[in-house]
C-alpha atoms as a PDB file:
ATOM      1  CA  VAL A   1      -0.011   0.006  -0.002  1.00  0.00           C
ATOM      2  CA  TYR A   2       1.346   3.396  -0.996  1.00  0.00           C
ATOM      3  CA  ILE A   3       0.208   6.569   0.705  1.00  0.00           C
ATOM      4  CA  ILE A   4      -0.048   9.600  -1.592  1.00  0.00           C
ATOM      5  CA  PRO A   5       0.172  13.040   0.081  1.00  0.00           C
ATOM      6  CA  THR A   6      -2.816  14.889  -1.417  1.00  0.00           C
ATOM      7  CA  SER A   7      -6.047  16.135   0.017  1.00  0.00           C
ATOM      8  CA  THR A   8      -8.227  14.598  -2.712  1.00  0.00           C
ATOM      9  CA  PRO A   9      -9.902  11.453  -1.313  1.00  0.00           C
ATOM     10  CA  ASN A  10      -9.023   8.544  -3.556  1.00  0.00           C
ATOM     11  CA  ALA A  11      -7.834   4.938  -3.612  1.00  0.00           C
ATOM     12  CA  PHE A  12      -6.801   2.820  -6.582  1.00  0.00           C
ATOM     13  CA  ALA A  13      -5.254  -0.516  -7.510  1.00  0.00           C
ATOM     14  CA  ALA A  14      -2.493  -0.857 -10.062  1.00  0.00           C
ATOM     15  CA  GLY A  15      -0.224  -3.539 -11.514  1.00  0.00           C
ATOM     16  CA  LEU A  16      -0.662  -6.116 -14.207  1.00  0.00           C
ATOM     17  CA  LYS A  17       0.724  -9.103 -12.316  1.00  0.00           C
ATOM     18  CA  LEU A  18      -0.395 -10.209  -8.887  1.00  0.00           C
ATOM     19  CA  GLU A  19       3.134 -10.053  -7.483  1.00  0.00           C
ATOM     20  CA  ASN A  20       3.690  -6.503  -8.816  1.00  0.00           C
ATOM     21  CA  SER A  21       0.329  -5.073  -7.819  1.00  0.00           C
ATOM     22  CA  TYR A  22      -0.202  -2.346  -5.247  1.00  0.00           C
ATOM     23  CA  ILE A  23      -2.853  -0.090  -3.768  1.00  0.00           C
ATOM     24  CA  GLY A  24      -2.548   3.675  -3.595  1.00  0.00           C
ATOM     25  CA  VAL A  25      -4.404   5.613  -0.906  1.00  0.00           C
ATOM     26  CA  THR A  26      -4.395   9.382  -0.555  1.00  0.00           C
ATOM     27  CA  THR A  27      -4.008  11.135   2.811  1.00  0.00           C
ATOM     28  CA  GLY A  28      -7.302  12.919   2.038  1.00  0.00           C
ATOM     29  CA  LEU A  29      -9.060   9.546   2.109  1.00  0.00           C
ATOM     30  CA  ILE A  30      -7.250   8.445   5.249  1.00  0.00           C
ATOM     31  CA  ASP A  31      -8.339  11.693   6.972  1.00  0.00           C
ATOM     32  CA  ILE A  32     -12.069  11.236   6.316  1.00  0.00           C
ATOM     33  CA  LEU A  33     -12.522   7.477   6.793  1.00  0.00           C
ATOM     34  CA  ASP A  34     -12.630   5.505   9.976  1.00  0.00           C
ATOM     35  CA  GLU A  35     -11.214   1.994  10.339  1.00  0.00           C
ATOM     36  CA  PRO A  36     -14.208  -0.102   9.084  1.00  0.00           C
ATOM     37  CA  GLU A  37     -14.661   2.247   6.116  1.00  0.00           C
ATOM     38  CA  MET A  38     -10.974   2.074   5.228  1.00  0.00           C
ATOM     39  CA  GLU A  39     -11.146  -1.673   5.514  1.00  0.00           C
ATOM     40  CA  GLY A  40     -14.021  -1.757   3.017  1.00  0.00           C
ATOM     41  CA  VAL A  41     -12.174   0.522   0.586  1.00  0.00           C
ATOM     42  CA  LEU A  42      -8.977  -1.539   0.785  1.00  0.00           C
ATOM     43  CA  ALA A  43     -10.970  -4.796   0.366  1.00  0.00           C
ATOM     44  CA  HIS A  44     -12.568  -3.234  -2.767  1.00  0.00           C
ATOM     45  CA  GLU A  45      -9.138  -2.372  -4.172  1.00  0.00           C
ATOM     46  CA  MET A  46      -7.756  -5.809  -3.217  1.00  0.00           C
ATOM     47  CA  SER A  47     -10.680  -7.331  -5.101  1.00  0.00           C
ATOM     48  CA  HIS A  48      -9.611  -5.439  -8.255  1.00  0.00           C
ATOM     49  CA  ILE A  49      -6.182  -7.023  -7.853  1.00  0.00           C
ATOM     50  CA  ILE A  50      -7.451 -10.522  -7.135  1.00  0.00           C
ATOM     51  CA  GLN A  51      -9.845 -10.424 -10.061  1.00  0.00           C
ATOM     52  CA  ARG A  52      -7.063  -9.085 -12.332  1.00  0.00           C
ATOM     53  CA  ASP A  53      -9.275  -6.117 -13.345  1.00  0.00           C
ATOM     54  CA  ILE A  54      -6.257  -3.957 -14.235  1.00  0.00           C
ATOM     55  CA  LEU A  55      -5.102  -6.551 -16.754  1.00  0.00           C
ATOM     56  CA  VAL A  56      -8.631  -6.885 -18.188  1.00  0.00           C
ATOM     57  CA  SER A  57      -8.911  -3.124 -18.607  1.00  0.00           C
ATOM     58  CA  THR A  58      -5.440  -2.906 -20.165  1.00  0.00           C
ATOM     59  CA  VAL A  59      -6.127  -5.644 -22.701  1.00  0.00           C
ATOM     60  CA  SER A  60      -9.482  -4.058 -23.511  1.00  0.00           C
ATOM     61  CA  ILE A  61      -7.862  -0.682 -24.156  1.00  0.00           C
ATOM     62  CA  TYR A  62      -5.122  -2.292 -26.295  1.00  0.00           C
ATOM     63  CA  LEU A  63      -7.683  -4.139 -28.452  1.00  0.00           C
ATOM     64  CA  MET A  64      -9.807  -1.004 -28.872  1.00  0.00           C
ATOM     65  CA  SER A  65      -6.721   1.033 -29.752  1.00  0.00           C
ATOM     66  CA  ALA A  66      -5.678  -1.482 -32.363  1.00  0.00           C
ATOM     67  CA  ALA A  67      -9.129  -1.420 -33.952  1.00  0.00           C
ATOM     68  CA  ILE A  68      -9.134   2.408 -34.004  1.00  0.00           C
ATOM     69  CA  ILE A  69      -5.650   2.467 -35.566  1.00  0.00           C
ATOM     70  CA  LEU A  70      -6.750  -0.045 -38.215  1.00  0.00           C
ATOM     71  CA  GLY A  71      -9.721   2.130 -39.148  1.00  0.00           C
ATOM     72  CA  GLY A  72      -7.419   5.130 -39.375  1.00  0.00           C
ATOM     73  CA  ILE A  73      -4.950   3.268 -41.560  1.00  0.00           C
ATOM     74  CA  LEU A  74      -7.699   2.186 -43.947  1.00  0.00           C
ATOM     75  CA  PHE A  75      -8.981   5.744 -44.220  1.00  0.00           C
ATOM     76  CA  ARG A  76      -5.512   7.225 -44.822  1.00  0.00           C
ATOM     77  CA  MET A  77      -4.492   4.560 -47.340  1.00  0.00           C
ATOM     78  CA  ALA A  78      -7.674   5.050 -49.345  1.00  0.00           C
ATOM     79  CA  ARG A  79      -7.435   8.867 -49.132  1.00  0.00           C
ATOM     80  CA  TYR A  80      -3.799   8.747 -50.278  1.00  0.00           C
ATOM     81  CA  ASN A  81      -4.662   6.478 -53.203  1.00  0.00           C
ATOM     82  CA  MET A  82      -7.685   8.561 -54.063  1.00  0.00           C
ATOM     83  CA  PHE A  83      -5.724  11.817 -54.250  1.00  0.00           C
ATOM     84  CA  PHE A  84      -2.623  10.437 -55.919  1.00  0.00           C
ATOM     85  CA  GLY A  85      -4.388   7.719 -57.936  1.00  0.00           C
ATOM     86  CA  GLY A  86      -2.200   5.024 -56.425  1.00  0.00           C
ATOM     87  CA  ARG A  87       0.209   5.493 -59.337  1.00  0.00           C
ATOM     88  CA  GLY A  88       3.216   6.543 -57.360  1.00  0.00           C
ATOM     89  CA  ARG A  89       5.745   8.036 -59.790  1.00  0.00           C
ATOM     90  CA  ARG A  90       4.300   6.596 -62.962  1.00  0.00           C
ATOM     91  CA  SER A  91       3.430   9.278 -65.478  1.00  0.00           C
ATOM     92  CA  ASN A  92       1.172   7.229 -67.801  1.00  0.00           C
ATOM     93  CA  ARG A  93      -2.517   7.143 -66.910  1.00  0.00           C
ATOM     94  CA  ASP A  94      -4.617   4.036 -66.899  1.00  0.00           C
ATOM     95  CA  SER A  95      -7.920   4.036 -68.659  1.00  0.00           C
ATOM     96  CA  GLY A  96      -9.554   2.562 -65.552  1.00  0.00           C
ATOM     97  CA  SER A  97      -8.269   5.216 -63.163  1.00  0.00           C
ATOM     98  CA  GLY A  98     -11.791   6.627 -62.692  1.00  0.00           C
ATOM     99  CA  ASN A  99     -12.996   3.266 -61.388  1.00  0.00           C
ATOM    100  CA  ALA A 100      -9.976   2.958 -59.128  1.00  0.00           C
ATOM    101  CA  ALA A 101     -10.564   6.431 -57.713  1.00  0.00           C
ATOM    102  CA  ALA A 102     -14.211   5.566 -57.020  1.00  0.00           C
ATOM    103  CA  ALA A 103     -13.163   2.326 -55.317  1.00  0.00           C
ATOM    104  CA  PHE A 104     -10.640   4.195 -53.143  1.00  0.00           C
ATOM    105  CA  ALA A 105     -13.273   6.774 -52.313  1.00  0.00           C
ATOM    106  CA  VAL A 106     -15.562   4.009 -51.065  1.00  0.00           C
ATOM    107  CA  ILE A 107     -12.717   2.505 -49.059  1.00  0.00           C
ATOM    108  CA  ALA A 108     -11.896   5.931 -47.607  1.00  0.00           C
ATOM    109  CA  LEU A 109     -15.529   6.466 -46.614  1.00  0.00           C
ATOM    110  CA  ALA A 110     -15.687   2.966 -45.133  1.00  0.00           C
ATOM    111  CA  GLY A 111     -12.463   3.621 -43.194  1.00  0.00           C
ATOM    112  CA  PHE A 112     -13.796   6.893 -41.877  1.00  0.00           C
ATOM    113  CA  VAL A 113     -17.133   5.367 -40.790  1.00  0.00           C
ATOM    114  CA  LEU A 114     -15.359   2.337 -39.337  1.00  0.00           C
ATOM    115  CA  SER A 115     -12.983   4.553 -37.390  1.00  0.00           C
ATOM    116  CA  PHE A 116     -15.866   6.588 -35.985  1.00  0.00           C
ATOM    117  CA  VAL A 117     -18.017   3.546 -35.120  1.00  0.00           C
ATOM    118  CA  ILE A 118     -15.041   1.732 -33.543  1.00  0.00           C
ATOM    119  CA  ARG A 119     -14.240   4.781 -31.359  1.00  0.00           C
ATOM    120  CA  LEU A 120     -17.819   4.900 -30.189  1.00  0.00           C
ATOM    121  CA  LEU A 121     -18.044   1.205 -29.568  1.00  0.00           C
ATOM    122  CA  ALA A 122     -14.665   1.181 -27.785  1.00  0.00           C
ATOM    123  CA  GLN A 123     -15.862   3.869 -25.376  1.00  0.00           C
ATOM    124  CA  LEU A 124     -19.131   2.064 -24.705  1.00  0.00           C
ATOM    125  CA  ILE A 125     -17.443  -1.299 -24.170  1.00  0.00           C
ATOM    126  CA  ASN A 126     -14.808   0.181 -21.843  1.00  0.00           C
ATOM    127  CA  LEU A 127     -17.527   1.906 -19.827  1.00  0.00           C
ATOM    128  CA  ALA A 128     -19.556  -1.311 -19.579  1.00  0.00           C
ATOM    129  CA  ILE A 129     -16.499  -3.346 -18.559  1.00  0.00           C
ATOM    130  CA  SER A 130     -15.441  -0.755 -16.022  1.00  0.00           C
ATOM    131  CA  ARG A 131     -18.876  -0.448 -14.408  1.00  0.00           C
ATOM    132  CA  LYS A 132     -19.385  -4.222 -14.233  1.00  0.00           C
ATOM    133  CA  ARG A 133     -15.936  -4.748 -12.666  1.00  0.00           C
ATOM    134  CA  GLU A 134     -16.719  -2.055 -10.046  1.00  0.00           C
ATOM    135  CA  TYR A 135     -19.891  -3.840  -9.025  1.00  0.00           C
ATOM    136  CA  ILE A 136     -18.042  -7.170  -8.784  1.00  0.00           C
ATOM    137  CA  ALA A 137     -15.305  -5.514  -6.687  1.00  0.00           C
ATOM    138  CA  ASP A 138     -17.945  -4.093  -4.339  1.00  0.00           C
ATOM    139  CA  ALA A 139     -19.530  -7.539  -3.906  1.00  0.00           C
ATOM    140  CA  ASN A 140     -16.148  -9.193  -3.312  1.00  0.00           C
ATOM    141  CA  ALA A 141     -15.173  -6.497  -0.793  1.00  0.00           C
ATOM    142  CA  VAL A 142     -18.292  -7.312   1.219  1.00  0.00           C
ATOM    143  CA  ARG A 143     -17.356 -11.013   1.080  1.00  0.00           C
ATOM    144  CA  LEU A 144     -13.791 -10.233   2.217  1.00  0.00           C
ATOM    145  CA  CYS A 145     -14.875  -8.012   5.089  1.00  0.00           C
ATOM    146  CA  GLY A 146     -17.958  -9.931   6.089  1.00  0.00           C
ATOM    147  CA  TYR A 147     -20.153  -6.844   6.263  1.00  0.00           C
ATOM    148  CA  SER A 148     -21.228  -4.101   3.910  1.00  0.00           C
ATOM    149  CA  GLU A 149     -21.648  -1.106   6.230  1.00  0.00           C
ATOM    150  CA  GLY A 150     -17.980  -0.060   6.082  1.00  0.00           C
ATOM    151  CA  LEU A 151     -17.857   0.087   2.279  1.00  0.00           C
ATOM    152  CA  ALA A 152     -21.319   1.724   2.000  1.00  0.00           C
ATOM    153  CA  ASP A 153     -20.400   4.366   4.583  1.00  0.00           C
ATOM    154  CA  ALA A 154     -17.106   5.029   2.818  1.00  0.00           C
ATOM    155  CA  LEU A 155     -18.818   5.485  -0.542  1.00  0.00           C
ATOM    156  CA  GLU A 156     -21.244   7.956   1.039  1.00  0.00           C
ATOM    157  CA  LYS A 157     -18.416   9.934   2.649  1.00  0.00           C
ATOM    158  CA  ILE A 158     -16.332   9.925  -0.574  1.00  0.00           C
ATOM    159  CA  SER A 159     -19.242  11.149  -2.678  1.00  0.00           C
ATOM    160  CA  GLY A 160     -20.019  13.875  -0.136  1.00  0.00           C
ATOM    161  CA  SER A 161     -16.422  14.994   0.239  1.00  0.00           C
ATOM    162  CA  SER A 162     -15.948  15.300  -3.546  1.00  0.00           C
ATOM    163  CA  THR A 163     -18.797  17.768  -3.582  1.00  0.00           C
ATOM    164  CA  ASP A 164     -17.275  19.721  -0.686  1.00  0.00           C
ATOM    165  CA  TYR A 165     -13.882  19.655  -2.325  1.00  0.00           C
ATOM    166  CA  SER A 166     -15.163  21.173  -5.557  1.00  0.00           C
ATOM    167  CA  LYS A 167     -16.926  23.928  -3.521  1.00  0.00           C
ATOM    168  CA  GLU A 168     -13.535  24.713  -1.866  1.00  0.00           C
ATOM    169  CA  GLN A 169     -11.906  24.910  -5.284  1.00  0.00           C
ATOM    170  CA  VAL A 170     -14.563  27.363  -6.493  1.00  0.00           C
ATOM    171  CA  GLU A 171     -14.157  29.541  -3.366  1.00  0.00           C
ATOM    172  CA  ASP A 172     -10.389  29.581  -3.824  1.00  0.00           C
ATOM    173  CA  LEU A 173     -10.785  30.743  -7.407  1.00  0.00           C
ATOM    174  CA  GLY A 174     -13.358  33.472  -6.475  1.00  0.00           C
END
């Protein structure tokens, strides 16, 4: 467990392998939680480590990134071939270059649409995976601790303190 000196209440789990994993807890969280609440939060973060959620999220992001890059490559290849006719340095023109340009235009459009749709799907899938893993971590934290009050109280305090924290930020700016 690492303690991070900041007033923002937060805790997180990190590490791709079980033996290299760790939990980070801010001093802001330590200050506002009592022992049962901190136990619930740490059990929640330990559950992320045990269930290998960091690895799942990382693999998901890599797969989504690869799909987005592939859509971008298709779009750029087709756009390049459409503008330059795919002829490179050849000076003679083919009689079918109009058909080739139309085909590349279709590929460029498909690459653009694919890239947009993949980005949207990637965000939705990552949100769904993240939310589901959070619920599972909450349930496992309750199993680890044997009671749910600590985690529930901690979540209430954290959500209330984040509102107070943003009010302080606004007052400091004003």
